Protein backbone atom coordinates (compact mmCIF):
# COMPACT_ATOMS: atom_id res chain seq x y z
CA MET A 1 -48.76 6.32 -5.21
CA LYS A 2 -51.57 8.26 -3.51
CA THR A 3 -49.08 9.47 -0.91
CA VAL A 4 -46.78 10.78 -3.63
CA VAL A 5 -49.69 12.57 -5.32
CA VAL A 6 -50.85 14.14 -2.06
CA LEU A 7 -47.31 15.28 -1.20
CA SER A 8 -46.90 16.71 -4.71
CA LEU A 9 -50.15 18.66 -4.39
CA VAL A 10 -49.08 20.00 -0.99
CA LEU A 11 -45.74 21.09 -2.47
CA VAL A 12 -47.43 22.80 -5.42
CA VAL A 13 -49.85 24.65 -3.11
CA SER A 14 -47.01 25.68 -0.81
CA LEU A 15 -44.96 27.04 -3.70
CA ALA A 16 -47.99 28.86 -5.07
CA VAL A 17 -48.69 30.48 -1.70
CA GLY A 18 -45.04 31.34 -1.21
CA SER A 19 -44.77 33.02 -4.58
CA ALA A 20 -48.08 34.82 -4.20
CA VAL A 21 -46.87 36.95 -1.33
CA SER A 22 -44.50 38.90 -3.56
CA GLU A 23 -45.55 38.28 -7.14
CA ALA A 24 -46.95 41.78 -7.80
CA ASP A 25 -46.77 45.38 -6.68
CA THR A 26 -49.12 46.25 -3.81
CA PHE A 27 -50.60 49.43 -2.41
CA GLY A 28 -51.75 49.71 1.19
CA LEU A 29 -53.67 52.08 3.46
CA PHE A 30 -53.69 51.90 7.23
CA GLY A 31 -55.01 53.67 10.28
CA ALA A 32 -53.27 53.62 13.65
CA TYR A 33 -53.68 54.29 17.34
CA LEU A 34 -50.59 56.14 18.60
CA MET A 35 -48.96 56.00 22.01
CA PRO A 36 -46.05 58.39 22.70
CA THR A 37 -42.99 56.78 24.28
CA GLY A 38 -39.88 57.99 26.09
CA ASP A 39 -39.35 61.72 26.56
CA PHE A 40 -42.01 62.51 23.98
CA GLY A 41 -44.74 61.17 26.27
CA ASP A 42 -43.32 62.43 29.58
CA ASP A 43 -45.30 65.13 31.40
CA SER A 44 -42.50 66.53 33.55
CA GLY A 45 -38.81 67.28 33.25
CA SER A 46 -36.71 69.47 30.97
CA ASP A 47 -36.98 67.02 28.05
CA ALA A 48 -40.68 66.22 28.44
CA GLY A 49 -42.69 66.45 25.23
CA LEU A 50 -46.10 66.47 26.97
CA ALA A 51 -47.53 64.40 24.09
CA LYS A 52 -50.70 62.39 24.59
CA SER A 53 -52.10 59.41 22.71
CA GLY A 54 -53.40 60.05 19.22
CA PHE A 55 -54.13 58.63 15.80
CA GLY A 56 -52.51 58.30 12.42
CA PHE A 57 -52.96 57.38 8.77
CA GLY A 58 -50.53 56.02 6.23
CA MET A 59 -50.01 54.97 2.62
CA GLU A 60 -47.52 52.34 1.47
CA TYR A 61 -46.31 50.95 -1.82
CA SER A 62 -44.38 47.68 -2.14
CA THR A 63 -42.68 45.99 -5.07
CA PRO A 64 -40.94 42.57 -5.20
CA LEU A 65 -37.14 42.51 -4.99
CA GLY A 66 -36.70 39.12 -6.65
CA SER A 67 -36.12 37.03 -3.55
CA PRO A 68 -39.30 35.19 -2.41
CA GLY A 69 -41.21 37.24 0.13
CA LEU A 70 -38.81 40.21 0.08
CA GLU A 71 -40.18 43.57 -1.04
CA LEU A 72 -39.01 47.15 -1.37
CA MET A 73 -41.41 49.45 0.51
CA MET A 74 -42.10 53.18 0.36
CA SER A 75 -44.20 54.71 3.12
CA THR A 76 -45.60 58.09 4.11
CA SER A 77 -47.76 58.78 7.14
CA LEU A 78 -49.41 61.48 9.23
CA PHE A 79 -49.29 61.10 13.02
CA VAL A 80 -51.39 63.32 15.29
CA ASN A 81 -50.66 63.41 19.01
CA GLY A 82 -52.58 65.51 21.50
CA PHE A 83 -50.83 67.89 23.89
CA ASP A 84 -51.14 67.90 27.69
CA GLU A 85 -52.42 71.44 28.28
CA ASP A 86 -52.64 71.03 32.06
CA ALA A 87 -48.97 70.03 32.28
CA MET A 88 -48.06 72.96 30.00
CA GLU A 89 -49.97 75.36 32.25
CA ASP A 90 -48.08 74.07 35.30
CA GLU A 91 -44.77 74.42 33.44
CA LEU A 92 -45.50 78.02 32.44
CA ARG A 93 -46.49 78.90 36.00
CA ASP A 94 -43.20 77.49 37.26
CA THR A 95 -41.29 79.38 34.55
CA PHE A 96 -42.90 82.75 35.38
CA SER A 97 -43.01 82.25 39.15
CA GLY A 98 -41.94 85.46 40.91
CA SER A 99 -41.80 87.45 37.65
CA GLY A 100 -45.10 89.28 38.01
CA ILE A 101 -46.82 87.11 35.37
CA ASP A 102 -49.75 84.89 36.33
CA VAL A 103 -50.89 82.21 33.86
CA ASP A 104 -54.67 81.92 33.60
CA CYS A 105 -55.59 79.59 30.70
CA VAL A 106 -53.49 77.63 28.19
CA SER A 107 -54.55 76.40 24.76
CA VAL A 108 -52.40 74.09 22.61
CA GLU A 109 -53.29 72.15 19.47
CA SER A 110 -51.73 68.79 18.49
CA TYR A 111 -48.30 67.57 17.45
CA LEU A 112 -48.00 66.58 13.79
CA ASN A 113 -45.36 64.16 12.52
CA ILE A 114 -44.96 63.28 8.84
CA PRO A 115 -42.47 60.41 8.38
CA ILE A 116 -41.46 59.77 4.75
CA MET A 117 -39.55 56.52 4.62
CA GLY A 118 -38.28 53.63 2.56
CA GLY A 119 -37.13 50.16 3.44
CA VAL A 120 -37.99 46.51 3.12
CA ARG A 121 -40.85 44.21 4.02
CA TYR A 122 -40.58 40.45 4.33
CA LEU A 123 -43.61 38.18 4.09
CA THR A 124 -43.88 34.50 4.85
CA PRO A 125 -47.05 32.39 4.59
CA VAL A 126 -48.27 30.43 7.60
CA SER A 127 -51.44 29.17 5.89
CA PRO A 128 -53.19 29.63 2.54
CA VAL A 129 -54.95 32.72 3.92
CA VAL A 130 -52.51 34.17 6.47
CA ASP A 131 -49.10 35.78 5.90
CA LEU A 132 -46.76 37.06 8.56
CA PHE A 133 -44.72 40.17 7.76
CA GLY A 134 -41.91 42.25 9.18
CA VAL A 135 -41.02 45.83 8.19
CA GLY A 136 -37.87 47.93 8.52
CA LEU A 137 -37.90 51.59 7.43
CA VAL A 138 -35.57 54.59 7.47
CA GLY A 139 -36.09 58.13 6.26
CA LEU A 140 -36.98 61.72 7.06
CA ASN A 141 -39.51 63.00 9.57
CA VAL A 142 -41.12 66.44 9.55
CA LEU A 143 -42.19 67.57 13.03
CA MET A 144 -44.65 70.39 13.60
CA VAL A 145 -44.76 71.50 17.23
CA PRO A 146 -48.08 73.18 18.02
CA GLU A 147 -48.49 76.84 18.80
CA ILE A 148 -48.87 77.63 22.51
CA GLU A 149 -51.39 80.30 23.48
CA ALA A 150 -52.15 81.49 26.99
CA ASP A 151 -54.24 84.17 28.68
CA ILE A 152 -52.06 85.76 31.33
CA MET A 153 -52.06 88.60 33.85
CA VAL A 154 -49.06 90.94 33.94
CA TRP A 155 -48.31 93.03 37.03
CA ASP A 156 -48.03 96.74 36.27
CA GLU A 157 -45.85 98.37 38.93
CA ASP A 158 -46.79 101.89 37.84
CA GLU A 159 -50.52 101.30 38.26
CA ASN A 160 -50.05 98.71 41.04
CA LYS A 161 -52.41 96.19 39.47
CA TYR A 162 -52.57 93.24 37.10
CA LYS A 163 -53.34 93.83 33.43
CA GLU A 164 -54.78 91.31 31.01
CA ALA A 165 -52.29 90.07 28.44
CA TYR A 166 -51.78 87.33 25.89
CA LEU A 167 -48.83 84.97 25.44
CA GLU A 168 -48.09 83.28 22.12
CA GLN A 169 -45.24 80.91 21.25
CA ASP A 170 -44.79 79.84 17.62
CA HIS A 171 -42.51 77.08 16.33
CA ASP A 172 -40.96 76.45 12.93
CA PRO A 173 -41.27 72.99 11.31
CA ALA A 174 -38.25 70.78 12.05
CA THR A 175 -36.79 67.74 10.30
CA SER A 176 -34.82 64.77 11.55
CA PHE A 177 -33.66 61.30 10.53
CA GLY A 178 -35.86 58.47 11.79
CA MET A 179 -36.50 54.76 11.62
CA GLY A 180 -39.40 52.37 12.00
CA LEU A 181 -39.69 48.67 12.86
CA GLY A 182 -42.77 46.50 13.01
CA GLY A 183 -44.66 43.38 12.07
CA GLY A 184 -48.06 41.80 11.81
CA VAL A 185 -50.34 39.58 9.77
CA ILE A 186 -52.12 39.89 6.42
CA VAL A 187 -55.35 37.92 6.01
CA ASN A 188 -56.61 36.87 2.55
CA LYS A 189 -53.99 39.16 0.96
CA ARG A 190 -56.27 42.04 1.91
CA MET A 191 -56.64 42.89 5.61
CA SER A 192 -53.63 43.68 7.81
CA ILE A 193 -53.21 44.03 11.55
CA GLY A 194 -49.88 44.94 13.10
CA PHE A 195 -47.71 47.06 15.32
CA ARG A 196 -44.84 49.48 14.74
CA TYR A 197 -42.33 51.48 16.68
CA TYR A 198 -41.02 54.74 15.22
CA SER A 199 -37.95 56.49 16.60
CA LEU A 200 -38.04 59.86 14.87
CA GLY A 201 -34.89 61.51 16.18
CA LYS A 202 -34.39 64.60 18.31
CA PRO A 203 -34.76 67.65 16.08
CA GLU A 204 -33.87 71.19 17.12
CA ILE A 205 -36.96 73.36 17.43
CA ASN A 206 -36.74 77.09 16.74
CA GLY A 207 -39.47 79.61 17.45
CA THR A 208 -40.50 82.91 18.98
CA MET A 209 -42.41 83.87 22.11
CA GLY A 210 -44.22 87.15 22.55
CA ILE A 211 -46.38 88.76 25.22
CA ASP A 212 -49.03 91.26 24.11
CA VAL A 213 -50.56 93.71 26.58
CA TYR A 214 -53.74 95.31 25.21
CA GLY A 215 -52.79 94.31 21.66
CA VAL A 216 -49.29 95.83 21.78
CA ARG A 217 -46.38 93.40 21.69
CA SER A 218 -44.25 94.48 24.61
CA GLU A 219 -41.88 91.53 24.91
CA HIS A 220 -40.36 89.27 22.29
CA SER A 221 -37.74 86.54 22.45
CA ASP A 222 -36.41 83.61 20.46
CA VAL A 223 -36.82 80.08 21.76
CA LYS A 224 -34.73 77.03 20.92
CA PHE A 225 -34.89 73.50 22.28
CA ASP A 226 -34.46 69.85 21.25
CA GLN A 227 -37.39 67.44 21.36
CA SER A 228 -37.06 63.66 21.18
CA VAL A 229 -39.91 61.98 19.29
CA SER A 230 -40.92 58.32 19.42
CA VAL A 231 -44.27 56.55 19.12
CA PHE A 232 -45.70 53.03 19.27
CA LEU A 233 -48.49 52.19 16.83
CA ILE A 234 -51.22 49.57 16.65
CA THR A 235 -52.29 49.44 13.02
CA ALA A 236 -55.13 48.07 10.88
CA GLY A 237 -55.32 48.42 7.13
CA LEU A 238 -56.16 47.20 3.66
CA THR A 239 -53.85 46.00 0.87
CA PHE A 240 -54.74 46.32 -2.83
């Protein structure tokens, strides 16, 4: 009889834990350490993104779908990746080699990615205080490539000397289809630790490049290129 009672209590607790993982809507916040992957993180080659490690923040909302542990999830995030200025300086020097333009100093801000996605999350309890989860997301990403600024010297054949000049390359925001996959653990229905991989497509980037000599724009051209974007995240957050 005692065995039956104990087994019944275990079953009741298990059912209670199982239903608790998806019995109500939840809201989550997370921070992340970002590592660029693939072409996005390469520092050489025609497809190199020159992205460095960075950080990110995100907000997520989940609501039960009816099946135990299965939830509909909406997510929006901001990813910030640094830019390898030294590699950019070397690339510009190679580009202008033999053209009478000498690159002196390069300044570049950070990449910004804003993925806005929806998908599903599945939770399964492994103890009364720990839940495992997996996430699959698809949606739109907005990529903002940073402005490139450089102090340069331009050779003046008439005066037979270098003149100080300024190079500036601006880029328009670009959008692409992306996806995210990940998993992790939730402790006490509150704290989460996990990982994610985001493949954010290869959007076409449009922009303009100009060279100013003594404040007068003397050269201007359009630029266009494709940039693959992918990042791996280690995340930590809170669920409410």
